[in-house]
Amino acid sequence: MNDADWSNTIATRVNCYGVADWLRLLAGWLEVNPHRLIPVNPASKLTVEVPDRGLQLLLRHPHAGLALVADPDRWVLEQAIFRPPDATLPFGLDAKTETPDSAQAKLSDEVIGPAIGDSRASYFLDDGRVVELTFGENLNGVTRVWIVRLGREVSYADLPGGSV
């Protein structure tokens, strides 16, 4: 897979569990020890920063405080943040030229923002994901992409096309 494929797979797996095999593959692409993404001990909040990829992942394990050893497939990729210029953005977004209107054409007509004086807009995708973009000066270019999925975590296998 190329960098854009990896960014899109990260965005797809937000708020999903059942992704342990994929997290191991992701660790290889990120060139980090797999235990950074799938530690043995469960945690309610695990932030993984990969600055050279412009990426921040927040993972959590639902058994934190209840078990001493984490079931690898219960780790949930709670949210992902992409920060250009080091990040390759998902959804075909262009860090240098994207505008609120061009992002809307790529993401969703369901959008809130940007408000006057604010550079952020949130796009609500049909599958429950919310993509918040922070735009650069004069609302040109993207300086941050933050992705979450509303509702309870889901098994990645239950999503359309869900597999490693």
N, C-alpha and C. Protein backbone atom coordinates (compact mmCIF):
# COMPACT_ATOMS: atom_id res chain seq x y z
N MET A 1 0.84 -1.19 0.00
CA MET A 1 0.00 0.00 0.00
C MET A 1 0.88 1.25 0.00
N ASN A 2 0.38 2.31 -0.61
CA ASN A 2 1.10 3.58 -0.57
C ASN A 2 0.61 4.41 0.62
N ASP A 3 1.20 5.57 0.83
CA ASP A 3 0.87 6.40 1.99
C ASP A 3 -0.60 6.80 2.00
N ALA A 4 -1.17 7.13 0.85
CA ALA A 4 -2.58 7.52 0.79
C ALA A 4 -3.48 6.34 1.19
N ASP A 5 -3.12 5.14 0.75
CA ASP A 5 -3.90 3.95 1.14
C ASP A 5 -3.86 3.77 2.65
N TRP A 6 -2.68 3.93 3.25
CA TRP A 6 -2.57 3.79 4.70
C TRP A 6 -3.42 4.84 5.42
N SER A 7 -3.37 6.08 4.94
CA SER A 7 -4.17 7.14 5.57
C SER A 7 -5.66 6.81 5.50
N ASN A 8 -6.09 6.30 4.36
CA ASN A 8 -7.50 5.94 4.21
C ASN A 8 -7.89 4.75 5.09
N THR A 9 -6.98 3.77 5.23
CA THR A 9 -7.33 2.63 6.09
C THR A 9 -7.38 3.05 7.56
N ILE A 10 -6.52 3.98 7.94
CA ILE A 10 -6.60 4.50 9.31
C ILE A 10 -7.94 5.19 9.52
N ALA A 11 -8.33 6.04 8.59
CA ALA A 11 -9.59 6.77 8.70
C ALA A 11 -10.79 5.82 8.76
N THR A 12 -10.73 4.73 8.03
CA THR A 12 -11.83 3.76 8.00
C THR A 12 -11.98 3.03 9.32
N ARG A 13 -10.88 2.78 10.01
CA ARG A 13 -10.92 1.95 11.21
C ARG A 13 -11.13 2.74 12.51
N VAL A 14 -11.40 4.02 12.40
CA VAL A 14 -11.64 4.82 13.61
C VAL A 14 -12.89 4.30 14.34
N ASN A 15 -12.74 4.14 15.63
CA ASN A 15 -13.74 3.63 16.57
C ASN A 15 -14.13 2.18 16.28
N CYS A 16 -13.15 1.43 15.82
CA CYS A 16 -13.36 0.01 15.56
C CYS A 16 -12.45 -0.84 16.44
N TYR A 17 -12.95 -2.01 16.80
CA TYR A 17 -12.11 -3.03 17.41
C TYR A 17 -12.03 -4.20 16.43
N GLY A 18 -11.26 -5.22 16.78
CA GLY A 18 -11.05 -6.32 15.85
C GLY A 18 -10.03 -5.94 14.78
N VAL A 19 -9.08 -5.10 15.17
CA VAL A 19 -8.09 -4.59 14.21
C VAL A 19 -6.66 -4.93 14.61
N ALA A 20 -6.48 -5.92 15.48
CA ALA A 20 -5.13 -6.23 15.97
C ALA A 20 -4.17 -6.62 14.85
N ASP A 21 -4.60 -7.49 13.94
CA ASP A 21 -3.72 -7.89 12.84
C ASP A 21 -3.34 -6.68 11.99
N TRP A 22 -4.32 -5.82 11.74
CA TRP A 22 -4.06 -4.61 10.96
C TRP A 22 -3.13 -3.66 11.73
N LEU A 23 -3.30 -3.53 13.05
CA LEU A 23 -2.41 -2.68 13.84
C LEU A 23 -0.96 -3.16 13.75
N ARG A 24 -0.77 -4.46 13.69
CA ARG A 24 0.59 -4.98 13.52
C ARG A 24 1.16 -4.56 12.17
N LEU A 25 0.35 -4.64 11.12
CA LEU A 25 0.78 -4.18 9.80
C LEU A 25 1.05 -2.67 9.81
N LEU A 26 0.17 -1.93 10.47
CA LEU A 26 0.34 -0.48 10.57
C LEU A 26 1.65 -0.14 11.27
N ALA A 27 1.98 -0.88 12.32
CA ALA A 27 3.24 -0.65 13.04
C ALA A 27 4.42 -0.79 12.09
N GLY A 28 4.35 -1.76 11.19
CA GLY A 28 5.42 -1.94 10.21
C GLY A 28 5.54 -0.73 9.30
N TRP A 29 4.40 -0.21 8.80
CA TRP A 29 4.43 0.97 7.94
C TRP A 29 4.96 2.19 8.69
N LEU A 30 4.54 2.31 9.96
CA LEU A 30 4.98 3.45 10.77
C LEU A 30 6.41 3.29 11.26
N GLU A 31 6.95 2.08 11.11
CA GLU A 31 8.29 1.76 11.60
C GLU A 31 8.41 1.96 13.10
N VAL A 32 7.40 1.44 13.82
CA VAL A 32 7.40 1.46 15.28
C VAL A 32 7.23 0.03 15.78
N ASN A 33 7.63 -0.20 16.99
CA ASN A 33 7.43 -1.50 17.61
C ASN A 33 5.93 -1.76 17.73
N PRO A 34 5.45 -2.93 17.32
CA PRO A 34 4.01 -3.24 17.42
C PRO A 34 3.45 -3.08 18.84
N HIS A 35 4.29 -3.23 19.85
CA HIS A 35 3.82 -3.08 21.23
C HIS A 35 3.44 -1.64 21.55
N ARG A 36 3.87 -0.69 20.74
CA ARG A 36 3.41 0.71 20.93
C ARG A 36 1.93 0.84 20.59
N LEU A 37 1.46 0.03 19.63
CA LEU A 37 0.06 0.08 19.21
C LEU A 37 -0.80 -0.98 19.90
N ILE A 38 -0.16 -2.06 20.32
CA ILE A 38 -0.89 -3.16 20.96
C ILE A 38 -0.11 -3.59 22.20
N PRO A 39 -0.12 -2.77 23.24
CA PRO A 39 0.60 -3.17 24.44
C PRO A 39 -0.07 -4.36 25.14
N VAL A 40 0.70 -5.03 25.95
CA VAL A 40 0.18 -6.19 26.69
C VAL A 40 -0.83 -5.75 27.74
N ASN A 41 -0.59 -4.61 28.38
CA ASN A 41 -1.48 -4.14 29.44
C ASN A 41 -2.56 -3.24 28.86
N PRO A 42 -3.82 -3.47 29.23
CA PRO A 42 -4.89 -2.59 28.73
C PRO A 42 -4.76 -1.18 29.32
N ALA A 43 -5.17 -0.20 28.55
CA ALA A 43 -5.13 1.19 28.99
C ALA A 43 -6.40 1.88 28.53
N SER A 44 -6.89 2.81 29.36
CA SER A 44 -8.09 3.56 28.99
C SER A 44 -7.77 4.65 27.97
N LYS A 45 -6.48 5.03 27.89
CA LYS A 45 -6.06 6.03 26.92
C LYS A 45 -4.60 5.77 26.57
N LEU A 46 -4.36 5.56 25.29
CA LEU A 46 -3.02 5.33 24.80
C LEU A 46 -2.81 6.23 23.60
N THR A 47 -1.97 7.24 23.77
CA THR A 47 -1.68 8.16 22.68
C THR A 47 -0.38 7.74 22.02
N VAL A 48 -0.44 7.55 20.71
CA VAL A 48 0.74 7.17 19.94
C VAL A 48 1.02 8.29 18.95
N GLU A 49 2.15 8.95 19.14
CA GLU A 49 2.59 10.03 18.24
C GLU A 49 3.64 9.48 17.30
N VAL A 50 3.47 9.77 16.03
CA VAL A 50 4.47 9.42 15.02
C VAL A 50 4.74 10.70 14.22
N PRO A 51 5.59 11.58 14.76
CA PRO A 51 5.80 12.90 14.16
C PRO A 51 6.29 12.87 12.71
N ASP A 52 7.14 11.90 12.37
CA ASP A 52 7.66 11.88 11.00
C ASP A 52 6.59 11.47 9.98
N ARG A 53 5.44 11.00 10.45
CA ARG A 53 4.29 10.71 9.58
C ARG A 53 3.17 11.73 9.79
N GLY A 54 3.39 12.69 10.71
CA GLY A 54 2.37 13.70 10.99
C GLY A 54 1.10 13.08 11.55
N LEU A 55 1.26 12.06 12.37
CA LEU A 55 0.11 11.26 12.81
C LEU A 55 0.06 11.13 14.32
N GLN A 56 -1.14 11.24 14.85
CA GLN A 56 -1.39 10.96 16.25
C GLN A 56 -2.60 10.03 16.31
N LEU A 57 -2.42 8.90 16.99
CA LEU A 57 -3.50 7.94 17.17
C LEU A 57 -3.85 7.85 18.65
N LEU A 58 -5.13 7.77 18.94
CA LEU A 58 -5.57 7.54 20.30
C LEU A 58 -6.27 6.19 20.32
N LEU A 59 -5.73 5.29 21.12
CA LEU A 59 -6.32 3.96 21.27
C LEU A 59 -6.79 3.79 22.70
N ARG A 60 -7.69 2.87 22.90
CA ARG A 60 -8.13 2.53 24.26
C ARG A 60 -8.55 1.08 24.29
N HIS A 61 -8.54 0.53 25.48
CA HIS A 61 -8.95 -0.85 25.67
C HIS A 61 -10.10 -0.87 26.68
N PRO A 62 -11.22 -1.50 26.33
CA PRO A 62 -12.38 -1.47 27.23
C PRO A 62 -12.18 -2.21 28.55
N HIS A 63 -11.13 -3.03 28.65
CA HIS A 63 -10.91 -3.78 29.88
C HIS A 63 -9.86 -3.14 30.78
N ALA A 64 -9.51 -1.89 30.50
CA ALA A 64 -8.55 -1.19 31.36
C ALA A 64 -9.09 -1.12 32.78
N GLY A 65 -8.27 -1.48 33.72
CA GLY A 65 -8.68 -1.50 35.12
C GLY A 65 -9.42 -2.76 35.51
N LEU A 66 -9.74 -3.62 34.55
CA LEU A 66 -10.47 -4.85 34.83
C LEU A 66 -9.65 -6.10 34.57
N ALA A 67 -8.64 -6.00 33.74
CA ALA A 67 -7.81 -7.14 33.38
C ALA A 67 -6.34 -6.73 33.39
N LEU A 68 -5.47 -7.70 33.65
CA LEU A 68 -4.04 -7.42 33.66
C LEU A 68 -3.42 -7.55 32.27
N VAL A 69 -4.05 -8.38 31.42
CA VAL A 69 -3.54 -8.61 30.07
C VAL A 69 -4.63 -8.23 29.08
N ALA A 70 -4.25 -7.49 28.07
CA ALA A 70 -5.21 -7.01 27.08
C ALA A 70 -5.46 -8.05 25.99
N ASP A 71 -6.71 -8.26 25.66
CA ASP A 71 -7.07 -9.04 24.47
C ASP A 71 -6.70 -8.15 23.28
N PRO A 72 -5.74 -8.55 22.45
CA PRO A 72 -5.28 -7.67 21.37
C PRO A 72 -6.40 -7.18 20.45
N ASP A 73 -7.40 -8.01 20.20
CA ASP A 73 -8.46 -7.60 19.28
C ASP A 73 -9.49 -6.67 19.90
N ARG A 74 -9.36 -6.36 21.17
CA ARG A 74 -10.30 -5.42 21.79
C ARG A 74 -9.76 -4.00 21.82
N TRP A 75 -8.51 -3.79 21.38
CA TRP A 75 -8.02 -2.42 21.27
C TRP A 75 -8.88 -1.67 20.26
N VAL A 76 -9.24 -0.44 20.60
CA VAL A 76 -10.08 0.40 19.75
C VAL A 76 -9.26 1.60 19.30
N LEU A 77 -9.24 1.83 18.01
CA LEU A 77 -8.63 3.05 17.47
C LEU A 77 -9.67 4.14 17.62
N GLU A 78 -9.60 4.89 18.71
CA GLU A 78 -10.65 5.85 19.06
C GLU A 78 -10.67 7.07 18.14
N GLN A 79 -9.51 7.58 17.79
CA GLN A 79 -9.46 8.74 16.91
C GLN A 79 -8.10 8.82 16.24
N ALA A 80 -8.07 9.55 15.15
CA ALA A 80 -6.82 9.76 14.41
C ALA A 80 -6.71 11.23 14.05
N ILE A 81 -5.51 11.76 14.17
CA ILE A 81 -5.23 13.14 13.79
C ILE A 81 -4.06 13.12 12.82
N PHE A 82 -4.28 13.77 11.68
CA PHE A 82 -3.26 13.92 10.65
C PHE A 82 -2.84 15.38 10.61
N ARG A 83 -1.52 15.61 10.62
CA ARG A 83 -1.00 16.98 10.59
C ARG A 83 -0.02 17.16 9.42
N PRO A 84 -0.46 17.88 8.40
CA PRO A 84 0.48 18.21 7.32
C PRO A 84 1.58 19.13 7.85
N PRO A 85 2.72 19.23 7.25
CA PRO A 85 3.02 18.69 5.93
C PRO A 85 3.51 17.25 5.95
N ASP A 86 3.75 16.67 7.15
CA ASP A 86 4.31 15.33 7.21
C ASP A 86 3.28 14.25 6.93
N ALA A 87 2.01 14.54 7.17
CA ALA A 87 0.96 13.54 6.97
C ALA A 87 0.46 13.53 5.54
N THR A 88 0.20 12.34 5.05
CA THR A 88 -0.56 12.17 3.82
C THR A 88 -2.02 12.10 4.26
N LEU A 89 -2.85 12.98 3.74
CA LEU A 89 -4.23 13.10 4.22
C LEU A 89 -5.14 12.06 3.58
N PRO A 90 -6.12 11.58 4.34
CA PRO A 90 -7.10 10.64 3.79
C PRO A 90 -8.15 11.37 2.94
N PHE A 91 -9.00 10.60 2.31
CA PHE A 91 -10.16 11.09 1.55
C PHE A 91 -9.75 11.90 0.31
N GLY A 92 -8.50 11.81 -0.10
CA GLY A 92 -8.06 12.59 -1.25
C GLY A 92 -7.92 14.07 -0.97
N LEU A 93 -7.88 14.45 0.32
CA LEU A 93 -7.73 15.85 0.69
C LEU A 93 -6.33 16.34 0.35
N ASP A 94 -6.24 17.57 -0.10
CA ASP A 94 -4.96 18.17 -0.47
C ASP A 94 -4.60 19.23 0.57
N ALA A 95 -3.51 18.99 1.27
CA ALA A 95 -3.10 19.88 2.36
C ALA A 95 -2.82 21.30 1.90
N LYS A 96 -2.40 21.46 0.66
CA LYS A 96 -2.00 22.79 0.19
C LYS A 96 -3.15 23.59 -0.41
N THR A 97 -4.10 22.93 -1.05
CA THR A 97 -5.10 23.67 -1.83
C THR A 97 -6.54 23.50 -1.36
N GLU A 98 -6.77 22.63 -0.40
CA GLU A 98 -8.15 22.34 0.01
C GLU A 98 -8.83 23.59 0.57
N THR A 99 -10.10 23.75 0.27
CA THR A 99 -10.94 24.81 0.81
C THR A 99 -12.17 24.16 1.44
N PRO A 100 -12.94 24.89 2.22
CA PRO A 100 -14.16 24.30 2.77
C PRO A 100 -15.08 23.73 1.69
N ASP A 101 -15.21 24.42 0.57
CA ASP A 101 -16.09 23.93 -0.50
C ASP A 101 -15.54 22.68 -1.18
N SER A 102 -14.24 22.66 -1.46
CA SER A 102 -13.68 21.47 -2.11
C SER A 102 -13.71 20.27 -1.17
N ALA A 103 -13.52 20.51 0.13
CA ALA A 103 -13.61 19.43 1.11
C ALA A 103 -15.04 18.90 1.19
N GLN A 104 -16.00 19.79 1.13
CA GLN A 104 -17.40 19.37 1.17
C GLN A 104 -17.71 18.45 0.00
N ALA A 105 -17.18 18.76 -1.17
CA ALA A 105 -17.41 17.91 -2.34
C ALA A 105 -16.81 16.52 -2.16
N LYS A 106 -15.73 16.42 -1.39
CA LYS A 106 -15.07 15.12 -1.17
C LYS A 106 -15.64 14.36 0.01
N LEU A 107 -16.21 15.08 0.98
CA LEU A 107 -16.59 14.43 2.24
C LEU A 107 -18.10 14.30 2.43
N SER A 108 -18.81 15.41 2.53
CA SER A 108 -20.22 15.34 2.88
C SER A 108 -20.87 16.70 2.75
N ASP A 109 -22.14 16.69 2.39
CA ASP A 109 -22.91 17.93 2.38
C ASP A 109 -23.36 18.31 3.79
N GLU A 110 -23.27 17.36 4.72
CA GLU A 110 -23.60 17.63 6.12
C GLU A 110 -22.37 18.23 6.78
N VAL A 111 -22.38 19.55 6.94
CA VAL A 111 -21.19 20.24 7.44
C VAL A 111 -21.60 21.35 8.39
N ILE A 112 -20.77 21.55 9.40
CA ILE A 112 -20.93 22.68 10.31
C ILE A 112 -19.64 23.48 10.24
N GLY A 113 -19.75 24.75 9.91
CA GLY A 113 -18.59 25.63 9.89
C GLY A 113 -18.05 25.76 8.49
N PRO A 114 -17.01 26.53 8.35
CA PRO A 114 -16.38 27.31 9.41
C PRO A 114 -17.19 28.56 9.73
N ALA A 115 -17.23 28.91 10.99
CA ALA A 115 -17.90 30.12 11.43
C ALA A 115 -16.96 31.30 11.19
N ILE A 116 -17.52 32.47 11.17
CA ILE A 116 -16.71 33.68 10.99
C ILE A 116 -15.66 33.73 12.10
N GLY A 117 -14.43 33.91 11.72
CA GLY A 117 -13.34 33.99 12.68
C GLY A 117 -12.80 32.64 13.12
N ASP A 118 -13.36 31.55 12.60
CA ASP A 118 -12.91 30.21 12.96
C ASP A 118 -12.43 29.52 11.69
N SER A 119 -11.44 28.71 11.82
CA SER A 119 -10.90 28.02 10.65
C SER A 119 -11.25 26.54 10.62
N ARG A 120 -12.20 26.12 11.48
CA ARG A 120 -12.55 24.71 11.56
C ARG A 120 -13.92 24.44 10.96
N ALA A 121 -14.04 23.27 10.34
CA ALA A 121 -15.32 22.81 9.83
C ALA A 121 -15.41 21.31 10.10
N SER A 122 -16.61 20.85 10.46
CA SER A 122 -16.84 19.43 10.73
C SER A 122 -17.77 18.87 9.67
N TYR A 123 -17.33 17.77 9.06
CA TYR A 123 -18.08 17.10 8.00
C TYR A 123 -18.58 15.77 8.55
N PHE A 124 -19.88 15.52 8.44
CA PHE A 124 -20.51 14.34 9.01
C PHE A 124 -20.75 13.32 7.90
N LEU A 125 -20.01 12.21 7.95
CA LEU A 125 -20.12 11.19 6.92
C LEU A 125 -21.30 10.26 7.22
N ASP A 126 -21.80 9.61 6.20
CA ASP A 126 -22.97 8.74 6.35
C ASP A 126 -22.75 7.57 7.31
N ASP A 127 -21.51 7.15 7.49
CA ASP A 127 -21.23 5.98 8.34
C ASP A 127 -20.96 6.35 9.80
N GLY A 128 -21.25 7.58 10.20
CA GLY A 128 -21.08 7.98 11.59
C GLY A 128 -19.75 8.65 11.89
N ARG A 129 -18.83 8.67 10.93
CA ARG A 129 -17.57 9.36 11.17
C ARG A 129 -17.76 10.86 11.02
N VAL A 130 -16.99 11.59 11.81
CA VAL A 130 -16.95 13.05 11.72
C VAL A 130 -15.50 13.42 11.42
N VAL A 131 -15.33 14.24 10.40
CA VAL A 131 -14.01 14.68 9.98
C VAL A 131 -13.94 16.18 10.22
N GLU A 132 -13.14 16.58 11.20
CA GLU A 132 -12.96 18.00 11.46
C GLU A 132 -11.68 18.45 10.77
N LEU A 133 -11.82 19.45 9.92
CA LEU A 133 -10.68 20.03 9.23
C LEU A 133 -10.37 21.39 9.82
N THR A 134 -9.11 21.67 10.02
CA THR A 134 -8.65 23.00 10.38
C THR A 134 -7.95 23.54 9.14
N PHE A 135 -8.46 24.66 8.67
CA PHE A 135 -7.93 25.26 7.45
C PHE A 135 -6.87 26.29 7.79
N GLY A 136 -6.03 26.55 6.80
CA GLY A 136 -4.98 27.55 6.94
C GLY A 136 -5.52 28.95 6.75
N GLU A 137 -4.59 29.87 6.58
CA GLU A 137 -4.92 31.28 6.40
C GLU A 137 -5.87 31.47 5.23
N ASN A 138 -6.87 32.31 5.43
CA ASN A 138 -7.89 32.59 4.41
C ASN A 138 -8.65 31.33 3.98
N LEU A 139 -8.69 30.34 4.86
CA LEU A 139 -9.39 29.08 4.62
C LEU A 139 -8.85 28.35 3.40
N ASN A 140 -7.56 28.45 3.17
CA ASN A 140 -6.89 27.73 2.09
C ASN A 140 -5.90 26.75 2.68
N GLY A 141 -5.97 25.51 2.22
CA GLY A 141 -5.09 24.48 2.73
C GLY A 141 -5.59 23.93 4.05
N VAL A 142 -5.09 22.76 4.42
CA VAL A 142 -5.51 22.08 5.65
C VAL A 142 -4.30 21.93 6.56
N THR A 143 -4.46 22.31 7.82
CA THR A 143 -3.37 22.18 8.78
C THR A 143 -3.58 21.01 9.75
N ARG A 144 -4.83 20.48 9.78
CA ARG A 144 -5.10 19.34 10.66
C ARG A 144 -6.38 18.64 10.20
N VAL A 145 -6.36 17.31 10.28
CA VAL A 145 -7.55 16.49 10.03
C VAL A 145 -7.74 15.63 11.27
N TRP A 146 -8.90 15.73 11.89
CA TRP A 146 -9.21 14.97 13.10
C TRP A 146 -10.43 14.12 12.79
N ILE A 147 -10.32 12.81 13.00
CA ILE A 147 -11.39 11.88 12.65
C ILE A 147 -11.83 11.11 13.88
N VAL A 148 -13.14 11.10 14.11
CA VAL A 148 -13.78 10.30 15.15
C VAL A 148 -14.99 9.62 14.52
N ARG A 149 -15.54 8.64 15.22
CA ARG A 149 -16.79 8.01 14.78
C ARG A 149 -17.77 8.12 15.94
N LEU A 150 -18.95 8.64 15.66
CA LEU A 150 -19.96 8.81 16.70
C LEU A 150 -20.53 7.45 17.10
N GLY A 151 -20.95 7.37 18.35
CA GLY A 151 -21.58 6.16 18.85
C GLY A 151 -20.59 5.18 19.44
N ARG A 152 -21.12 4.03 19.74
CA ARG A 152 -20.34 2.96 20.36
C ARG A 152 -19.37 2.35 19.35
N GLU A 153 -18.22 1.86 19.86
CA GLU A 153 -17.26 1.22 18.97
C GLU A 153 -17.91 0.02 18.27
N VAL A 154 -17.41 -0.27 17.09
CA VAL A 154 -17.96 -1.37 16.29
C VAL A 154 -16.83 -2.31 15.89
N SER A 155 -17.21 -3.54 15.62
CA SER A 155 -16.24 -4.49 15.10
C SER A 155 -15.95 -4.12 13.65
N TYR A 156 -14.68 -4.03 13.32
CA TYR A 156 -14.33 -3.69 11.95
C TYR A 156 -14.89 -4.73 10.98
N ALA A 157 -14.94 -5.99 11.40
CA ALA A 157 -15.47 -7.06 10.55
C ALA A 157 -16.93 -6.84 10.19
N ASP A 158 -17.65 -6.06 11.01
CA ASP A 158 -19.07 -5.82 10.75
C ASP A 158 -19.31 -4.67 9.77
N LEU A 159 -18.27 -3.92 9.43
CA LEU A 159 -18.41 -2.82 8.49
C LEU A 159 -18.38 -3.39 7.06
N PRO A 160 -19.04 -2.74 6.13
CA PRO A 160 -18.97 -3.19 4.73
C PRO A 160 -17.51 -3.27 4.27
N GLY A 161 -17.11 -4.40 3.77
CA GLY A 161 -15.74 -4.59 3.30
C GLY A 161 -14.74 -4.79 4.41
N GLY A 162 -15.21 -4.97 5.65
CA GLY A 162 -14.32 -5.08 6.80
C GLY A 162 -13.51 -6.37 6.81
N SER A 163 -12.23 -6.23 6.64
CA SER A 163 -11.27 -7.32 6.79
C SER A 163 -9.91 -6.67 7.03
N VAL A 164 -8.86 -7.47 7.25
CA VAL A 164 -7.55 -6.88 7.50
C VAL A 164 -7.20 -5.99 6.34
